[in-house]
Amino acid sequence: MPALMITAGSLHRLRRQLDAVGDGTAATILEDAGRVTGEAMHEHWRNRIAERTGLDDAGHLDVRWFGPLLDELCLDRGWGSVAATLMGDRALLLESGDWAEADPSSSTAPGCHFSRGCFEAFLSAQAGTSVRVIEVECRSRGDAACRFLAMSAASLIDVQDLIAAGGSWRDAYPADELPG
């Protein structure tokens, strides 16, 4: 599938228009569209890793190189910088202070729905198993950075329950697993 450029402003406008409909479908529609991009992004990633490292299977990439190479890919594609941090053995935290989909201080809730779907498809393909992603902080909501947690479905339920009860996602992890 050929790559097509879509600007961050287009995603911002699309989200605002879908939110204005008011029936709660904006996140679902954007996440679904993001999954298609995530699948294409993984195909590009797989080829890029093969070229850069000689690995036939990007799933065998050493974890030390995953974060820097993902950051490089996201920057090259215009999404912004991203740092990847393992949260013990239960989750991967992706953080960006300049994520393109974020529309700073435009919402009361996380709004990078397209990216959430994209990361979910990309990381599932990379891991060879289902990976769930939740955006726990977002510049669209006024947070300092966009933060996505990637984990198993069971771990996701635990984090969602904690947030729904008024807690912070950070409370789901021991202090020594949290980023500095």
N, C-alpha and C. Protein backbone atom coordinates (compact mmCIF):
# COMPACT_ATOMS: atom_id res chain seq x y z
N MET A 1 0.85 -1.17 0.00
CA MET A 1 0.00 0.00 0.00
C MET A 1 0.90 1.24 0.00
N PRO A 2 0.70 2.15 -0.96
CA PRO A 2 1.55 3.34 -0.98
C PRO A 2 1.28 4.25 0.22
N ALA A 3 2.34 4.91 0.67
CA ALA A 3 2.21 5.83 1.79
C ALA A 3 1.55 7.11 1.31
N LEU A 4 0.77 7.69 2.18
CA LEU A 4 0.05 8.92 1.88
C LEU A 4 0.29 9.88 3.03
N MET A 5 0.65 11.11 2.71
CA MET A 5 0.88 12.07 3.78
C MET A 5 -0.45 12.68 4.23
N ILE A 6 -0.64 12.69 5.53
CA ILE A 6 -1.77 13.40 6.12
C ILE A 6 -1.18 14.28 7.21
N THR A 7 -1.58 15.53 7.24
CA THR A 7 -0.98 16.45 8.21
C THR A 7 -1.59 16.29 9.59
N ALA A 8 -0.84 16.73 10.58
CA ALA A 8 -1.36 16.71 11.95
C ALA A 8 -2.62 17.57 12.04
N GLY A 9 -2.63 18.69 11.34
CA GLY A 9 -3.81 19.55 11.34
C GLY A 9 -5.05 18.84 10.81
N SER A 10 -4.86 17.96 9.84
CA SER A 10 -5.99 17.18 9.32
C SER A 10 -6.54 16.25 10.39
N LEU A 11 -5.65 15.60 11.14
CA LEU A 11 -6.11 14.72 12.23
C LEU A 11 -6.80 15.52 13.32
N HIS A 12 -6.27 16.71 13.63
CA HIS A 12 -6.90 17.57 14.65
C HIS A 12 -8.32 17.94 14.22
N ARG A 13 -8.45 18.37 12.98
CA ARG A 13 -9.77 18.78 12.49
C ARG A 13 -10.73 17.61 12.44
N LEU A 14 -10.24 16.46 11.98
CA LEU A 14 -11.09 15.27 11.92
C LEU A 14 -11.58 14.89 13.32
N ARG A 15 -10.69 14.90 14.30
CA ARG A 15 -11.10 14.56 15.67
C ARG A 15 -12.12 15.55 16.20
N ARG A 16 -11.88 16.84 15.97
CA ARG A 16 -12.84 17.85 16.45
C ARG A 16 -14.21 17.68 15.79
N GLN A 17 -14.22 17.39 14.49
CA GLN A 17 -15.50 17.20 13.79
C GLN A 17 -16.22 15.96 14.30
N LEU A 18 -15.49 14.87 14.49
CA LEU A 18 -16.11 13.64 15.01
C LEU A 18 -16.58 13.84 16.44
N ASP A 19 -15.80 14.55 17.25
CA ASP A 19 -16.22 14.84 18.63
C ASP A 19 -17.49 15.67 18.65
N ALA A 20 -17.63 16.58 17.68
CA ALA A 20 -18.80 17.46 17.64
C ALA A 20 -20.09 16.68 17.39
N VAL A 21 -19.99 15.52 16.74
CA VAL A 21 -21.17 14.68 16.52
C VAL A 21 -21.74 14.25 17.87
N GLY A 22 -20.84 14.06 18.84
CA GLY A 22 -21.26 13.83 20.21
C GLY A 22 -21.76 12.46 20.57
N ASP A 23 -21.63 11.49 19.70
CA ASP A 23 -22.15 10.16 20.05
C ASP A 23 -21.06 9.21 20.53
N GLY A 24 -19.86 9.72 20.77
CA GLY A 24 -18.80 8.90 21.33
C GLY A 24 -18.08 8.00 20.34
N THR A 25 -18.34 8.16 19.05
CA THR A 25 -17.71 7.27 18.08
C THR A 25 -16.37 7.77 17.57
N ALA A 26 -15.98 9.00 17.89
CA ALA A 26 -14.74 9.56 17.37
C ALA A 26 -13.55 8.65 17.67
N ALA A 27 -13.41 8.24 18.92
CA ALA A 27 -12.26 7.41 19.30
C ALA A 27 -12.27 6.09 18.53
N THR A 28 -13.42 5.45 18.42
CA THR A 28 -13.51 4.16 17.73
C THR A 28 -13.13 4.29 16.26
N ILE A 29 -13.65 5.31 15.60
CA ILE A 29 -13.37 5.51 14.17
C ILE A 29 -11.89 5.80 13.96
N LEU A 30 -11.33 6.70 14.74
CA LEU A 30 -9.92 7.06 14.57
C LEU A 30 -8.99 5.91 14.94
N GLU A 31 -9.30 5.17 16.00
CA GLU A 31 -8.47 4.01 16.38
C GLU A 31 -8.47 2.97 15.27
N ASP A 32 -9.63 2.71 14.68
CA ASP A 32 -9.72 1.73 13.61
C ASP A 32 -8.88 2.16 12.40
N ALA A 33 -8.98 3.43 12.03
CA ALA A 33 -8.16 3.94 10.93
C ALA A 33 -6.68 3.86 11.28
N GLY A 34 -6.34 4.14 12.52
CA GLY A 34 -4.95 4.06 12.95
C GLY A 34 -4.38 2.66 12.84
N ARG A 35 -5.22 1.66 13.07
CA ARG A 35 -4.74 0.27 12.97
C ARG A 35 -4.23 -0.04 11.56
N VAL A 36 -4.91 0.47 10.55
CA VAL A 36 -4.47 0.24 9.17
C VAL A 36 -3.09 0.87 8.97
N THR A 37 -2.90 2.06 9.49
CA THR A 37 -1.60 2.72 9.39
C THR A 37 -0.54 1.94 10.18
N GLY A 38 -0.92 1.42 11.34
CA GLY A 38 0.02 0.63 12.15
C GLY A 38 0.50 -0.62 11.43
N GLU A 39 -0.41 -1.26 10.69
CA GLU A 39 -0.02 -2.44 9.91
C GLU A 39 0.97 -2.05 8.82
N ALA A 40 0.71 -0.95 8.12
CA ALA A 40 1.62 -0.48 7.08
C ALA A 40 2.95 -0.02 7.68
N MET A 41 2.87 0.63 8.83
CA MET A 41 4.08 1.08 9.51
C MET A 41 4.96 -0.11 9.90
N HIS A 42 4.33 -1.21 10.33
CA HIS A 42 5.12 -2.38 10.70
C HIS A 42 5.79 -2.99 9.48
N GLU A 43 5.10 -3.01 8.36
CA GLU A 43 5.71 -3.53 7.13
C GLU A 43 6.94 -2.69 6.77
N HIS A 44 6.81 -1.38 6.84
CA HIS A 44 7.94 -0.49 6.58
C HIS A 44 9.05 -0.74 7.61
N TRP A 45 8.68 -0.90 8.87
CA TRP A 45 9.62 -1.18 9.96
C TRP A 45 10.38 -2.47 9.71
N ARG A 46 9.64 -3.51 9.33
CA ARG A 46 10.26 -4.82 9.09
C ARG A 46 11.33 -4.70 8.01
N ASN A 47 11.00 -4.00 6.92
CA ASN A 47 11.96 -3.82 5.84
C ASN A 47 13.15 -2.96 6.29
N ARG A 48 12.87 -1.94 7.05
CA ARG A 48 13.91 -1.05 7.55
C ARG A 48 14.87 -1.79 8.48
N ILE A 49 14.33 -2.62 9.37
CA ILE A 49 15.17 -3.39 10.30
C ILE A 49 16.03 -4.38 9.52
N ALA A 50 15.46 -5.01 8.51
CA ALA A 50 16.24 -5.95 7.69
C ALA A 50 17.40 -5.22 7.01
N GLU A 51 17.13 -4.04 6.47
CA GLU A 51 18.19 -3.27 5.81
C GLU A 51 19.26 -2.82 6.79
N ARG A 52 18.85 -2.35 7.96
CA ARG A 52 19.77 -1.77 8.93
C ARG A 52 20.56 -2.81 9.71
N THR A 53 19.93 -3.96 10.00
CA THR A 53 20.55 -4.93 10.90
C THR A 53 20.83 -6.28 10.27
N GLY A 54 20.21 -6.56 9.13
CA GLY A 54 20.35 -7.86 8.51
C GLY A 54 19.41 -8.91 9.09
N LEU A 55 18.57 -8.52 10.06
CA LEU A 55 17.61 -9.47 10.65
C LEU A 55 16.45 -9.72 9.70
N ASP A 56 16.15 -10.99 9.47
CA ASP A 56 14.99 -11.33 8.63
C ASP A 56 13.69 -11.15 9.40
N ASP A 57 13.75 -11.24 10.72
CA ASP A 57 12.56 -11.12 11.56
C ASP A 57 12.77 -9.98 12.54
N ALA A 58 12.03 -8.89 12.35
CA ALA A 58 12.17 -7.72 13.23
C ALA A 58 11.83 -8.05 14.67
N GLY A 59 11.09 -9.13 14.89
CA GLY A 59 10.76 -9.57 16.24
C GLY A 59 11.97 -10.03 17.03
N HIS A 60 13.07 -10.29 16.34
CA HIS A 60 14.30 -10.70 17.02
C HIS A 60 15.22 -9.52 17.34
N LEU A 61 14.76 -8.32 17.07
CA LEU A 61 15.55 -7.13 17.37
C LEU A 61 15.81 -7.04 18.87
N ASP A 62 17.04 -6.81 19.24
CA ASP A 62 17.41 -6.65 20.65
C ASP A 62 16.64 -5.47 21.23
N VAL A 63 16.10 -5.66 22.42
CA VAL A 63 15.27 -4.63 23.06
C VAL A 63 16.03 -3.32 23.24
N ARG A 64 17.35 -3.37 23.37
CA ARG A 64 18.14 -2.14 23.52
C ARG A 64 18.03 -1.23 22.30
N TRP A 65 17.79 -1.83 21.13
CA TRP A 65 17.72 -1.06 19.90
C TRP A 65 16.30 -0.69 19.50
N PHE A 66 15.32 -1.33 20.11
CA PHE A 66 13.94 -1.08 19.72
C PHE A 66 13.56 0.40 19.89
N GLY A 67 13.78 0.95 21.07
CA GLY A 67 13.40 2.34 21.34
C GLY A 67 14.06 3.34 20.41
N PRO A 68 15.39 3.32 20.29
CA PRO A 68 16.04 4.29 19.41
C PRO A 68 15.62 4.16 17.94
N LEU A 69 15.42 2.93 17.48
CA LEU A 69 15.01 2.75 16.09
C LEU A 69 13.54 3.14 15.88
N LEU A 70 12.69 2.92 16.88
CA LEU A 70 11.30 3.37 16.78
C LEU A 70 11.26 4.90 16.78
N ASP A 71 12.06 5.53 17.62
CA ASP A 71 12.15 6.99 17.64
C ASP A 71 12.56 7.52 16.27
N GLU A 72 13.57 6.90 15.70
CA GLU A 72 14.05 7.30 14.38
C GLU A 72 12.94 7.18 13.33
N LEU A 73 12.22 6.07 13.36
CA LEU A 73 11.13 5.84 12.40
C LEU A 73 10.03 6.90 12.57
N CYS A 74 9.62 7.15 13.81
CA CYS A 74 8.55 8.12 14.06
C CYS A 74 8.96 9.53 13.64
N LEU A 75 10.20 9.89 13.91
CA LEU A 75 10.70 11.20 13.48
C LEU A 75 10.72 11.29 11.95
N ASP A 76 11.23 10.25 11.30
CA ASP A 76 11.29 10.23 9.84
C ASP A 76 9.91 10.34 9.20
N ARG A 77 8.91 9.78 9.85
CA ARG A 77 7.54 9.78 9.31
C ARG A 77 6.75 11.02 9.72
N GLY A 78 7.36 11.90 10.52
CA GLY A 78 6.71 13.15 10.88
C GLY A 78 5.81 13.10 12.10
N TRP A 79 5.85 11.99 12.86
CA TRP A 79 4.98 11.87 14.04
C TRP A 79 5.54 12.58 15.25
N GLY A 80 6.85 12.72 15.30
CA GLY A 80 7.51 13.32 16.46
C GLY A 80 8.44 12.31 17.10
N SER A 81 9.09 12.74 18.16
CA SER A 81 10.01 11.85 18.87
C SER A 81 9.22 10.95 19.80
N VAL A 82 9.80 9.79 20.10
CA VAL A 82 9.16 8.87 21.04
C VAL A 82 10.25 8.12 21.80
N ALA A 83 10.07 8.02 23.11
CA ALA A 83 10.98 7.24 23.95
C ALA A 83 10.23 6.01 24.42
N ALA A 84 10.90 4.88 24.39
CA ALA A 84 10.29 3.61 24.83
C ALA A 84 10.97 3.15 26.11
N THR A 85 10.17 2.85 27.13
CA THR A 85 10.67 2.40 28.42
C THR A 85 9.92 1.16 28.86
N LEU A 86 10.66 0.09 29.17
CA LEU A 86 10.01 -1.10 29.72
C LEU A 86 9.56 -0.82 31.15
N MET A 87 8.34 -1.20 31.46
CA MET A 87 7.78 -1.06 32.81
C MET A 87 7.80 -2.45 33.43
N GLY A 88 8.96 -2.84 33.93
CA GLY A 88 9.12 -4.21 34.42
C GLY A 88 8.90 -5.16 33.26
N ASP A 89 8.19 -6.25 33.52
CA ASP A 89 7.90 -7.20 32.44
C ASP A 89 6.43 -7.15 32.05
N ARG A 90 5.71 -6.11 32.49
CA ARG A 90 4.26 -6.05 32.25
C ARG A 90 3.83 -5.06 31.19
N ALA A 91 4.65 -4.06 30.89
CA ALA A 91 4.19 -3.03 29.96
C ALA A 91 5.37 -2.32 29.31
N LEU A 92 5.06 -1.66 28.22
CA LEU A 92 5.99 -0.79 27.52
C LEU A 92 5.36 0.60 27.53
N LEU A 93 6.12 1.60 27.96
CA LEU A 93 5.65 2.97 27.98
C LEU A 93 6.26 3.71 26.79
N LEU A 94 5.42 4.33 25.97
CA LEU A 94 5.87 5.17 24.87
C LEU A 94 5.53 6.61 25.24
N GLU A 95 6.53 7.50 25.20
CA GLU A 95 6.34 8.89 25.62
C GLU A 95 6.83 9.86 24.55
N SER A 96 6.06 10.94 24.37
CA SER A 96 6.47 11.97 23.42
C SER A 96 6.00 13.34 23.88
N GLY A 97 6.91 14.29 23.91
CA GLY A 97 6.56 15.66 24.24
C GLY A 97 6.21 16.50 23.03
N ASP A 98 6.34 15.91 21.84
CA ASP A 98 6.05 16.65 20.61
C ASP A 98 5.22 15.82 19.62
N TRP A 99 4.39 14.93 20.13
CA TRP A 99 3.63 14.02 19.27
C TRP A 99 2.69 14.81 18.35
N ALA A 100 2.74 14.53 17.06
CA ALA A 100 2.03 15.32 16.05
C ALA A 100 0.51 15.27 16.18
N GLU A 101 -0.04 14.16 16.59
CA GLU A 101 -1.50 14.07 16.67
C GLU A 101 -2.07 14.92 17.81
N ALA A 102 -1.29 15.18 18.82
CA ALA A 102 -1.77 15.97 19.96
C ALA A 102 -2.10 17.39 19.52
N ASP A 103 -3.23 17.88 19.98
CA ASP A 103 -3.71 19.23 19.72
C ASP A 103 -3.73 19.92 21.08
N PRO A 104 -2.60 20.54 21.48
CA PRO A 104 -2.40 20.97 22.86
C PRO A 104 -3.59 21.70 23.50
N SER A 105 -3.93 21.18 24.67
CA SER A 105 -4.97 21.76 25.54
C SER A 105 -6.32 21.96 24.84
N SER A 106 -6.68 21.04 23.96
CA SER A 106 -7.93 21.16 23.21
C SER A 106 -9.03 20.24 23.73
N SER A 107 -8.73 19.44 24.76
CA SER A 107 -9.68 18.43 25.20
C SER A 107 -9.56 18.19 26.70
N THR A 108 -10.56 17.55 27.25
CA THR A 108 -10.52 17.18 28.67
C THR A 108 -10.10 15.72 28.85
N ALA A 109 -9.87 15.03 27.75
CA ALA A 109 -9.50 13.61 27.79
C ALA A 109 -8.37 13.37 26.79
N PRO A 110 -7.61 12.28 26.95
CA PRO A 110 -6.61 11.95 25.93
C PRO A 110 -7.26 11.90 24.55
N GLY A 111 -6.54 12.41 23.53
CA GLY A 111 -7.16 12.52 22.22
C GLY A 111 -6.38 11.93 21.06
N CYS A 112 -5.29 11.23 21.31
CA CYS A 112 -4.50 10.67 20.21
C CYS A 112 -5.03 9.28 19.85
N HIS A 113 -6.29 9.24 19.44
CA HIS A 113 -6.96 7.97 19.15
C HIS A 113 -6.35 7.25 17.95
N PHE A 114 -6.03 8.00 16.90
CA PHE A 114 -5.43 7.41 15.70
C PHE A 114 -4.11 6.73 16.07
N SER A 115 -3.30 7.43 16.86
CA SER A 115 -2.00 6.88 17.28
C SER A 115 -2.17 5.65 18.15
N ARG A 116 -3.18 5.65 19.02
CA ARG A 116 -3.42 4.48 19.87
C ARG A 116 -3.68 3.25 19.00
N GLY A 117 -4.53 3.39 18.00
CA GLY A 117 -4.79 2.27 17.10
C GLY A 117 -3.56 1.88 16.30
N CYS A 118 -2.81 2.88 15.87
CA CYS A 118 -1.58 2.63 15.12
C CYS A 118 -0.58 1.84 15.96
N PHE A 119 -0.34 2.30 17.19
CA PHE A 119 0.60 1.60 18.07
C PHE A 119 0.10 0.19 18.39
N GLU A 120 -1.19 0.03 18.57
CA GLU A 120 -1.72 -1.29 18.91
C GLU A 120 -1.44 -2.29 17.78
N ALA A 121 -1.70 -1.89 16.53
CA ALA A 121 -1.44 -2.78 15.39
C ALA A 121 0.05 -3.01 15.19
N PHE A 122 0.84 -1.94 15.27
CA PHE A 122 2.28 -2.03 15.08
C PHE A 122 2.92 -2.94 16.12
N LEU A 123 2.61 -2.71 17.39
CA LEU A 123 3.23 -3.49 18.46
C LEU A 123 2.73 -4.93 18.47
N SER A 124 1.49 -5.17 18.10
CA SER A 124 0.98 -6.54 18.01
C SER A 124 1.74 -7.30 16.93
N ALA A 125 1.96 -6.66 15.79
CA ALA A 125 2.72 -7.30 14.71
C ALA A 125 4.16 -7.54 15.14
N GLN A 126 4.75 -6.58 15.84
CA GLN A 126 6.14 -6.72 16.31
C GLN A 126 6.26 -7.85 17.32
N ALA A 127 5.30 -7.95 18.23
CA ALA A 127 5.35 -8.96 19.30
C ALA A 127 4.88 -10.33 18.84
N GLY A 128 4.12 -10.37 17.75
CA GLY A 128 3.58 -11.65 17.28
C GLY A 128 2.42 -12.13 18.15
N THR A 129 1.83 -11.24 18.91
CA THR A 129 0.69 -11.56 19.77
C THR A 129 -0.10 -10.27 20.01
N SER A 130 -1.30 -10.41 20.51
CA SER A 130 -2.14 -9.24 20.74
C SER A 130 -1.56 -8.34 21.83
N VAL A 131 -1.40 -7.09 21.50
CA VAL A 131 -0.93 -6.07 22.44
C VAL A 131 -2.02 -5.01 22.51
N ARG A 132 -2.38 -4.60 23.70
CA ARG A 132 -3.37 -3.55 23.90
C ARG A 132 -2.65 -2.27 24.29
N VAL A 133 -3.19 -1.15 23.88
CA VAL A 133 -2.57 0.15 24.15
C VAL A 133 -3.62 1.10 24.72
N ILE A 134 -3.21 1.86 25.72
CA ILE A 134 -4.06 2.91 26.29
C ILE A 134 -3.23 4.18 26.38
N GLU A 135 -3.83 5.30 26.02
CA GLU A 135 -3.16 6.58 26.19
C GLU A 135 -3.52 7.08 27.59
N VAL A 136 -2.52 7.21 28.44
CA VAL A 136 -2.77 7.57 29.84
C VAL A 136 -2.52 9.05 30.14
N GLU A 137 -1.77 9.71 29.30
CA GLU A 137 -1.54 11.15 29.41
C GLU A 137 -1.50 11.70 27.99
N CYS A 138 -1.94 12.95 27.82
CA CYS A 138 -2.01 13.50 26.47
C CYS A 138 -1.84 15.02 26.49
N ARG A 139 -1.03 15.51 25.59
CA ARG A 139 -0.87 16.95 25.44
C ARG A 139 -2.19 17.61 25.05
N SER A 140 -3.07 16.88 24.36
CA SER A 140 -4.39 17.44 24.01
C SER A 140 -5.19 17.77 25.27
N ARG A 141 -4.94 17.04 26.33
CA ARG A 141 -5.62 17.25 27.61
C ARG A 141 -4.87 18.27 28.48
N GLY A 142 -3.72 18.70 28.03
CA GLY A 142 -2.93 19.66 28.79
C GLY A 142 -1.77 19.04 29.54
N ASP A 143 -1.57 17.72 29.39
CA ASP A 143 -0.43 17.06 30.03
C ASP A 143 0.86 17.47 29.32
N ALA A 144 1.99 17.30 29.99
CA ALA A 144 3.29 17.69 29.44
C ALA A 144 3.69 16.83 28.25
N ALA A 145 3.21 15.60 28.19
CA ALA A 145 3.59 14.68 27.12
C ALA A 145 2.44 13.72 26.85
N CYS A 146 2.49 13.10 25.69
CA CYS A 146 1.59 12.00 25.38
C CYS A 146 2.28 10.73 25.87
N ARG A 147 1.55 9.92 26.62
CA ARG A 147 2.11 8.67 27.15
C ARG A 147 1.13 7.55 26.85
N PHE A 148 1.66 6.52 26.20
CA PHE A 148 0.89 5.34 25.84
C PHE A 148 1.47 4.14 26.57
N LEU A 149 0.63 3.34 27.18
CA LEU A 149 1.05 2.08 27.79
C LEU A 149 0.62 0.94 26.89
N ALA A 150 1.55 0.05 26.57
CA ALA A 150 1.26 -1.13 25.76
C ALA A 150 1.43 -2.35 26.65
N MET A 151 0.43 -3.27 26.62
CA MET A 151 0.45 -4.40 27.54
C MET A 151 -0.54 -5.47 27.08
N SER A 152 -0.64 -6.52 27.87
CA SER A 152 -1.62 -7.57 27.61
C SER A 152 -3.02 -7.05 27.94
N ALA A 153 -4.03 -7.75 27.44
CA ALA A 153 -5.42 -7.36 27.71
C ALA A 153 -5.72 -7.40 29.21
N ALA A 154 -5.21 -8.40 29.91
CA ALA A 154 -5.46 -8.52 31.35
C ALA A 154 -4.85 -7.35 32.11
N SER A 155 -3.64 -6.97 31.76
CA SER A 155 -3.00 -5.83 32.42
C SER A 155 -3.73 -4.54 32.10
N LEU A 156 -4.24 -4.42 30.87
CA LEU A 156 -4.98 -3.23 30.48
C LEU A 156 -6.22 -3.05 31.35
N ILE A 157 -6.93 -4.13 31.59
CA ILE A 157 -8.14 -4.07 32.43
C ILE A 157 -7.79 -3.55 33.82
N ASP A 158 -6.68 -4.03 34.38
CA ASP A 158 -6.26 -3.57 35.71
C ASP A 158 -6.00 -2.06 35.71
N VAL A 159 -5.31 -1.56 34.69
CA VAL A 159 -5.00 -0.13 34.62
C VAL A 159 -6.27 0.68 34.39
N GLN A 160 -7.14 0.20 33.50
CA GLN A 160 -8.41 0.91 33.25
C GLN A 160 -9.26 0.98 34.52
N ASP A 161 -9.32 -0.12 35.27
CA ASP A 161 -10.09 -0.13 36.51
C ASP A 161 -9.53 0.87 37.52
N LEU A 162 -8.21 0.94 37.61
CA LEU A 162 -7.56 1.88 38.52
C LEU A 162 -7.90 3.32 38.15
N ILE A 163 -7.81 3.64 36.86
CA ILE A 163 -8.11 4.99 36.39
C ILE A 163 -9.59 5.31 36.61
N ALA A 164 -10.47 4.35 36.31
CA ALA A 164 -11.92 4.56 36.49
C ALA A 164 -12.27 4.83 37.95
N ALA A 165 -11.48 4.26 38.86
CA ALA A 165 -11.72 4.46 40.30
C ALA A 165 -11.10 5.77 40.80
N GLY A 166 -10.52 6.55 39.89
CA GLY A 166 -9.96 7.83 40.27
C GLY A 166 -8.47 7.81 40.55
N GLY A 167 -7.82 6.68 40.33
CA GLY A 167 -6.39 6.57 40.56
C GLY A 167 -5.58 6.99 39.34
N SER A 168 -4.30 7.00 39.50
CA SER A 168 -3.37 7.30 38.42
C SER A 168 -2.83 6.00 37.86
N TRP A 169 -2.55 5.98 36.57
CA TRP A 169 -1.95 4.80 35.96
C TRP A 169 -0.64 4.46 36.64
N ARG A 170 0.05 5.46 37.16
CA ARG A 170 1.34 5.24 37.83
C ARG A 170 1.20 4.36 39.07
N ASP A 171 0.02 4.37 39.68
CA ASP A 171 -0.22 3.55 40.87
C ASP A 171 -0.22 2.06 40.56
N ALA A 172 -0.29 1.69 39.30
CA ALA A 172 -0.30 0.29 38.91
C ALA A 172 1.10 -0.32 38.88
N TYR A 173 2.13 0.52 39.06
CA TYR A 173 3.51 0.05 38.94
C TYR A 173 4.32 0.44 40.16
N PRO A 174 5.24 -0.43 40.58
CA PRO A 174 6.14 -0.06 41.68
C PRO A 174 7.00 1.14 41.26
N ALA A 175 7.41 1.93 42.23
CA ALA A 175 8.18 3.14 41.95
C ALA A 175 9.44 2.86 41.13
N ASP A 176 10.08 1.70 41.36
CA ASP A 176 11.32 1.41 40.63
C ASP A 176 11.08 1.05 39.17
N GLU A 177 9.82 0.84 38.76
CA GLU A 177 9.51 0.56 37.36
C GLU A 177 9.09 1.82 36.60
N LEU A 178 8.82 2.90 37.32
CA LEU A 178 8.37 4.14 36.69
C LEU A 178 9.56 4.90 36.12
N PRO A 179 9.34 5.60 35.00
CA PRO A 179 10.44 6.39 34.43
C PRO A 179 10.79 7.55 35.36
N GLY A 180 12.06 7.97 35.30
CA GLY A 180 12.56 9.04 36.16
C GLY A 180 11.81 10.28 36.01
